[in-house]
Amino acid sequence: MNAPDHRLVILLNKPYNVLSQFTDDRGRTTLADFVQKRECYPAGRLDRDSEGLLVLTNDGALIHRLADPRHKVSKSYWVQVEGEPTDPALERLRQGVELKDGLTRPAKARLMDEPPGLWPRNPPIRYRASIPTCWLELTITEGRNRQVRRMTAAVGHPTLRLIRYRVGSWTLDGLAPGECREIRL
């Protein structure tokens, strides 16, 4: 990626079931359905079954800083999990969880109320009358493949819905699903 004439950042509230790429040979919904500026690339990614803040930019150095775990840029997630995590389960998340690819860095983890003004997911998560759900806010400084989902599962609380709320100092505030905001740096 060449040095851009101007640094551009696009904040997108990526809806559920959207790929974090601009093209797909199988006809699935992609970033191209929401972002008009094709000179930008995602700084990191969100899985198709995750929602929330995706940062796109034309600045290769910024992509590297946001995506490379050595820079320890924090990312906060709102996570709806199955069951109600106990204090020991939360403490395991805070200390780091052993996954197949090694121990995660310590995370910030706390129980939270359902986020205010949260949009409905389409399709909705699966509900089971006999198993309660609750919300966590989880903040990490690395971004392994499906890391948040693997961490919550490792402590006995599978993720049902995952929304990235914050990357560094940027948040989802004011962005409905599918909406984006352009920032010039």
C-alpha atoms as a PDB file:
ATOM      1  CA  MET A   1       0.000   0.000   0.000  1.00  0.00           C
ATOM      2  CA  ASN A   2       1.515   3.350  -1.038  1.00  0.00           C
ATOM      3  CA  ALA A   3       1.558   6.354   1.250  1.00  0.00           C
ATOM      4  CA  PRO A   4      -1.879   7.984   0.831  1.00  0.00           C
ATOM      5  CA  ASP A   5      -2.369  11.647  -0.135  1.00  0.00           C
ATOM      6  CA  HIS A   6      -4.629  11.879   2.900  1.00  0.00           C
ATOM      7  CA  ARG A   7      -5.139   9.460   5.734  1.00  0.00           C
ATOM      8  CA  LEU A   8      -8.666   8.216   5.779  1.00  0.00           C
ATOM      9  CA  VAL A   9     -10.359   6.188   8.490  1.00  0.00           C
ATOM     10  CA  ILE A  10     -13.828   4.713   8.135  1.00  0.00           C
ATOM     11  CA  LEU A  11     -15.676   3.384  11.157  1.00  0.00           C
ATOM     12  CA  LEU A  12     -18.302   0.808  10.198  1.00  0.00           C
ATOM     13  CA  ASN A  13     -20.866  -0.900  12.388  1.00  0.00           C
ATOM     14  CA  LYS A  14     -20.564  -4.267  10.635  1.00  0.00           C
ATOM     15  CA  PRO A  15     -23.848  -6.152  10.742  1.00  0.00           C
ATOM     16  CA  TYR A  16     -24.154  -9.842  11.530  1.00  0.00           C
ATOM     17  CA  ASN A  17     -23.566 -12.182   8.551  1.00  0.00           C
ATOM     18  CA  VAL A  18     -21.293  -9.758   6.647  1.00  0.00           C
ATOM     19  CA  LEU A  19     -17.786 -10.776   5.554  1.00  0.00           C
ATOM     20  CA  SER A  20     -14.910  -8.444   6.550  1.00  0.00           C
ATOM     21  CA  GLN A  21     -13.703  -8.233   2.947  1.00  0.00           C
ATOM     22  CA  PHE A  22     -14.852  -6.467  -0.221  1.00  0.00           C
ATOM     23  CA  THR A  23     -15.347  -9.449  -2.531  1.00  0.00           C
ATOM     24  CA  ASP A  24     -16.692 -12.964  -2.266  1.00  0.00           C
ATOM     25  CA  ASP A  25     -16.905 -15.508  -5.054  1.00  0.00           C
ATOM     26  CA  ARG A  26     -19.866 -17.190  -3.343  1.00  0.00           C
ATOM     27  CA  GLY A  27     -22.148 -14.137  -3.439  1.00  0.00           C
ATOM     28  CA  ARG A  28     -22.265 -13.497   0.305  1.00  0.00           C
ATOM     29  CA  THR A  29     -22.722 -10.006   1.753  1.00  0.00           C
ATOM     30  CA  THR A  30     -19.423  -8.111   2.031  1.00  0.00           C
ATOM     31  CA  LEU A  31     -18.077  -4.709   3.033  1.00  0.00           C
ATOM     32  CA  ALA A  32     -18.767  -3.549  -0.545  1.00  0.00           C
ATOM     33  CA  ASP A  33     -22.466  -3.484   0.352  1.00  0.00           C
ATOM     34  CA  PHE A  34     -21.786  -0.795   2.996  1.00  0.00           C
ATOM     35  CA  VAL A  35     -18.516   1.052   2.230  1.00  0.00           C
ATOM     36  CA  GLN A  36     -18.114   3.068  -0.974  1.00  0.00           C
ATOM     37  CA  LYS A  37     -14.389   3.891  -0.584  1.00  0.00           C
ATOM     38  CA  ARG A  38     -12.501   0.945  -2.057  1.00  0.00           C
ATOM     39  CA  GLU A  39      -9.061   2.405  -1.262  1.00  0.00           C
ATOM     40  CA  CYS A  40      -9.532   1.441   2.388  1.00  0.00           C
ATOM     41  CA  TYR A  41      -8.746  -1.915   3.962  1.00  0.00           C
ATOM     42  CA  PRO A  42      -9.896  -3.421   7.264  1.00  0.00           C
ATOM     43  CA  ALA A  43      -7.492  -3.025  10.176  1.00  0.00           C
ATOM     44  CA  GLY A  44      -8.137  -6.461  11.611  1.00  0.00           C
ATOM     45  CA  ARG A  45     -11.360  -8.291  11.030  1.00  0.00           C
ATOM     46  CA  LEU A  46     -14.579  -9.466  12.554  1.00  0.00           C
ATOM     47  CA  ASP A  47     -15.908 -12.906  11.785  1.00  0.00           C
ATOM     48  CA  ARG A  48     -19.088 -13.163   9.739  1.00  0.00           C
ATOM     49  CA  ASP A  49     -21.063 -14.115  12.849  1.00  0.00           C
ATOM     50  CA  SER A  50     -19.743 -11.141  14.861  1.00  0.00           C
ATOM     51  CA  GLU A  51     -21.030  -7.576  14.764  1.00  0.00           C
ATOM     52  CA  GLY A  52     -19.817  -4.139  15.590  1.00  0.00           C
ATOM     53  CA  LEU A  53     -16.949  -1.757  15.044  1.00  0.00           C
ATOM     54  CA  LEU A  54     -14.696  -2.398  12.084  1.00  0.00           C
ATOM     55  CA  VAL A  55     -11.993   0.159  11.329  1.00  0.00           C
ATOM     56  CA  LEU A  56     -10.994   0.592   7.685  1.00  0.00           C
ATOM     57  CA  THR A  57      -8.188   2.832   6.493  1.00  0.00           C
ATOM     58  CA  ASN A  58      -5.902   3.648   3.584  1.00  0.00           C
ATOM     59  CA  ASP A  59      -2.940   3.996   5.978  1.00  0.00           C
ATOM     60  CA  GLY A  60      -0.807   0.842   6.070  1.00  0.00           C
ATOM     61  CA  ALA A  61       1.073   1.951   9.201  1.00  0.00           C
ATOM     62  CA  LEU A  62      -2.217   2.470  11.041  1.00  0.00           C
ATOM     63  CA  ILE A  63      -3.453  -0.968   9.953  1.00  0.00           C
ATOM     64  CA  HIS A  64      -0.255  -2.485  11.318  1.00  0.00           C
ATOM     65  CA  ARG A  65      -0.520  -0.580  14.627  1.00  0.00           C
ATOM     66  CA  LEU A  66      -4.164  -1.567  15.164  1.00  0.00           C
ATOM     67  CA  ALA A  67      -3.848  -5.197  14.089  1.00  0.00           C
ATOM     68  CA  ASP A  68      -0.447  -6.227  15.442  1.00  0.00           C
ATOM     69  CA  PRO A  69      -0.714  -7.510  19.037  1.00  0.00           C
ATOM     70  CA  ARG A  70       2.750  -6.140  19.853  1.00  0.00           C
ATOM     71  CA  HIS A  71       1.214  -2.648  19.906  1.00  0.00           C
ATOM     72  CA  LYS A  72      -1.344  -3.738  22.544  1.00  0.00           C
ATOM     73  CA  VAL A  73      -4.195  -1.616  21.158  1.00  0.00           C
ATOM     74  CA  SER A  74      -7.175  -2.489  23.324  1.00  0.00           C
ATOM     75  CA  LYS A  75     -10.452  -3.682  21.860  1.00  0.00           C
ATOM     76  CA  SER A  76     -13.645  -3.941  23.911  1.00  0.00           C
ATOM     77  CA  TYR A  77     -16.439  -6.361  23.190  1.00  0.00           C
ATOM     78  CA  TRP A  78     -19.997  -6.740  24.429  1.00  0.00           C
ATOM     79  CA  VAL A  79     -20.499 -10.467  24.772  1.00  0.00           C
ATOM     80  CA  GLN A  80     -23.780 -12.227  25.438  1.00  0.00           C
ATOM     81  CA  VAL A  81     -22.929 -15.593  26.940  1.00  0.00           C
ATOM     82  CA  GLU A  82     -24.794 -18.695  27.938  1.00  0.00           C
ATOM     83  CA  GLY A  83     -25.234 -18.962  31.683  1.00  0.00           C
ATOM     84  CA  GLU A  84     -24.096 -16.552  34.377  1.00  0.00           C
ATOM     85  CA  PRO A  85     -20.323 -16.444  34.892  1.00  0.00           C
ATOM     86  CA  THR A  86     -19.134 -16.759  38.471  1.00  0.00           C
ATOM     87  CA  ASP A  87     -16.381 -14.659  40.026  1.00  0.00           C
ATOM     88  CA  PRO A  88     -13.837 -17.494  39.459  1.00  0.00           C
ATOM     89  CA  ALA A  89     -14.776 -17.651  35.735  1.00  0.00           C
ATOM     90  CA  LEU A  90     -14.346 -13.876  35.405  1.00  0.00           C
ATOM     91  CA  GLU A  91     -11.026 -14.078  37.253  1.00  0.00           C
ATOM     92  CA  ARG A  92      -9.781 -16.709  34.779  1.00  0.00           C
ATOM     93  CA  LEU A  93     -10.562 -14.305  31.930  1.00  0.00           C
ATOM     94  CA  ARG A  94      -8.713 -11.540  33.788  1.00  0.00           C
ATOM     95  CA  GLN A  95      -5.639 -13.725  34.369  1.00  0.00           C
ATOM     96  CA  GLY A  96      -5.482 -15.178  30.855  1.00  0.00           C
ATOM     97  CA  VAL A  97      -7.033 -18.370  29.524  1.00  0.00           C
ATOM     98  CA  GLU A  98      -5.142 -21.371  28.210  1.00  0.00           C
ATOM     99  CA  LEU A  99      -6.262 -22.054  24.625  1.00  0.00           C
ATOM    100  CA  LYS A 100      -4.940 -24.579  22.098  1.00  0.00           C
ATOM    101  CA  ASP A 101      -2.608 -21.886  20.728  1.00  0.00           C
ATOM    102  CA  GLY A 102      -1.323 -20.845  24.158  1.00  0.00           C
ATOM    103  CA  LEU A 103      -2.173 -18.609  27.083  1.00  0.00           C
ATOM    104  CA  THR A 104      -4.043 -15.408  26.242  1.00  0.00           C
ATOM    105  CA  ARG A 105      -2.946 -12.085  27.630  1.00  0.00           C
ATOM    106  CA  PRO A 106      -4.885 -10.933  30.686  1.00  0.00           C
ATOM    107  CA  ALA A 107      -8.221  -9.355  29.796  1.00  0.00           C
ATOM    108  CA  LYS A 108     -10.489  -6.908  31.520  1.00  0.00           C
ATOM    109  CA  ALA A 109     -13.761  -8.694  32.204  1.00  0.00           C
ATOM    110  CA  ARG A 110     -16.895  -7.532  33.957  1.00  0.00           C
ATOM    111  CA  LEU A 111     -20.572  -8.330  34.018  1.00  0.00           C
ATOM    112  CA  MET A 112     -22.749  -5.650  32.457  1.00  0.00           C
ATOM    113  CA  ASP A 113     -26.394  -4.947  31.753  1.00  0.00           C
ATOM    114  CA  GLU A 114     -27.622  -5.440  28.202  1.00  0.00           C
ATOM    115  CA  PRO A 115     -26.166  -2.520  26.229  1.00  0.00           C
ATOM    116  CA  PRO A 116     -28.648   0.373  26.020  1.00  0.00           C
ATOM    117  CA  GLY A 117     -30.234   0.930  22.615  1.00  0.00           C
ATOM    118  CA  LEU A 118     -28.996  -2.414  21.320  1.00  0.00           C
ATOM    119  CA  TRP A 119     -30.402  -3.289  17.912  1.00  0.00           C
ATOM    120  CA  PRO A 120     -32.052  -6.672  17.335  1.00  0.00           C
ATOM    121  CA  ARG A 121     -29.932  -9.285  15.614  1.00  0.00           C
ATOM    122  CA  ASN A 122     -31.272 -10.954  12.505  1.00  0.00           C
ATOM    123  CA  PRO A 123     -31.566 -13.864  12.971  1.00  0.00           C
ATOM    124  CA  PRO A 124     -31.962 -13.689  16.744  1.00  0.00           C
ATOM    125  CA  ILE A 125     -29.701 -15.746  18.992  1.00  0.00           C
ATOM    126  CA  ARG A 126     -31.001 -19.098  20.147  1.00  0.00           C
ATOM    127  CA  TYR A 127     -32.819 -18.894  23.443  1.00  0.00           C
ATOM    128  CA  ARG A 128     -33.377 -21.791  25.791  1.00  0.00           C
ATOM    129  CA  ALA A 129     -35.842 -21.261  28.617  1.00  0.00           C
ATOM    130  CA  SER A 130     -33.827 -23.439  30.996  1.00  0.00           C
ATOM    131  CA  ILE A 131     -30.485 -21.642  30.444  1.00  0.00           C
ATOM    132  CA  PRO A 132     -30.157 -17.951  31.308  1.00  0.00           C
ATOM    133  CA  THR A 133     -27.877 -15.586  29.428  1.00  0.00           C
ATOM    134  CA  CYS A 134     -25.966 -12.521  30.534  1.00  0.00           C
ATOM    135  CA  TRP A 135     -23.713  -9.827  29.116  1.00  0.00           C
ATOM    136  CA  LEU A 136     -20.001  -9.287  29.684  1.00  0.00           C
ATOM    137  CA  GLU A 137     -17.706  -6.504  28.653  1.00  0.00           C
ATOM    138  CA  LEU A 138     -14.387  -8.061  27.666  1.00  0.00           C
ATOM    139  CA  THR A 139     -11.341  -5.977  26.712  1.00  0.00           C
ATOM    140  CA  ILE A 140      -8.332  -7.625  25.097  1.00  0.00           C
ATOM    141  CA  THR A 141      -5.068  -6.425  23.560  1.00  0.00           C
ATOM    142  CA  GLU A 142      -4.522  -9.195  21.045  1.00  0.00           C
ATOM    143  CA  GLY A 143      -6.716 -10.589  18.314  1.00  0.00           C
ATOM    144  CA  ARG A 144      -6.276 -14.290  17.763  1.00  0.00           C
ATOM    145  CA  ASN A 145      -8.727 -16.074  15.512  1.00  0.00           C
ATOM    146  CA  ARG A 146     -12.125 -16.210  17.264  1.00  0.00           C
ATOM    147  CA  GLN A 147     -10.339 -15.371  20.513  1.00  0.00           C
ATOM    148  CA  VAL A 148     -13.234 -13.932  22.528  1.00  0.00           C
ATOM    149  CA  ARG A 149     -15.483 -16.865  21.621  1.00  0.00           C
ATOM    150  CA  ARG A 150     -12.768 -19.352  22.549  1.00  0.00           C
ATOM    151  CA  MET A 151     -12.045 -17.567  25.847  1.00  0.00           C
ATOM    152  CA  THR A 152     -15.661 -17.536  27.021  1.00  0.00           C
ATOM    153  CA  ALA A 153     -16.111 -21.180  25.994  1.00  0.00           C
ATOM    154  CA  ALA A 154     -12.933 -22.122  27.916  1.00  0.00           C
ATOM    155  CA  VAL A 155     -14.462 -20.761  31.125  1.00  0.00           C
ATOM    156  CA  GLY A 156     -17.752 -22.606  30.516  1.00  0.00           C
ATOM    157  CA  HIS A 157     -19.854 -19.823  28.984  1.00  0.00           C
ATOM    158  CA  PRO A 158     -20.214 -20.092  25.197  1.00  0.00           C
ATOM    159  CA  THR A 159     -20.707 -16.833  23.312  1.00  0.00           C
ATOM    160  CA  LEU A 160     -24.161 -16.346  21.836  1.00  0.00           C
ATOM    161  CA  ARG A 161     -23.690 -12.820  20.484  1.00  0.00           C
ATOM    162  CA  LEU A 162     -20.487 -10.837  20.009  1.00  0.00           C
ATOM    163  CA  ILE A 163     -20.328  -7.097  19.340  1.00  0.00           C
ATOM    164  CA  ARG A 164     -17.071  -5.190  19.142  1.00  0.00           C
ATOM    165  CA  TYR A 165     -17.773  -1.857  20.823  1.00  0.00           C
ATOM    166  CA  ARG A 166     -14.364  -0.163  20.798  1.00  0.00           C
ATOM    167  CA  VAL A 167     -10.988  -0.226  19.004  1.00  0.00           C
ATOM    168  CA  GLY A 168      -8.440   2.068  20.646  1.00  0.00           C
ATOM    169  CA  SER A 169     -10.284   5.353  21.192  1.00  0.00           C
ATOM    170  CA  TRP A 170     -12.945   4.774  18.498  1.00  0.00           C
ATOM    171  CA  THR A 171     -16.363   3.428  19.477  1.00  0.00           C
ATOM    172  CA  LEU A 172     -19.667   2.374  17.935  1.00  0.00           C
ATOM    173  CA  ASP A 173     -21.452   5.331  19.488  1.00  0.00           C
ATOM    174  CA  GLY A 174     -23.870   6.901  17.012  1.00  0.00           C
ATOM    175  CA  LEU A 175     -23.528   4.168  14.368  1.00  0.00           C
ATOM    176  CA  ALA A 176     -26.502   1.961  13.514  1.00  0.00           C
ATOM    177  CA  PRO A 177     -25.799  -1.440  11.922  1.00  0.00           C
ATOM    178  CA  GLY A 178     -24.524  -0.921   8.379  1.00  0.00           C
ATOM    179  CA  GLU A 179     -23.706   2.748   8.939  1.00  0.00           C
ATOM    180  CA  CYS A 180     -20.243   4.174   8.563  1.00  0.00           C
ATOM    181  CA  ARG A 181     -18.514   7.402   9.508  1.00  0.00           C
ATOM    182  CA  GLU A 182     -15.536   8.865   7.677  1.00  0.00           C
ATOM    183  CA  ILE A 183     -12.691  10.458   9.647  1.00  0.00           C
ATOM    184  CA  ARG A 184      -9.799  12.318   8.053  1.00  0.00           C
ATOM    185  CA  LEU A 185      -6.564  12.282  10.019  1.00  0.00           C
END
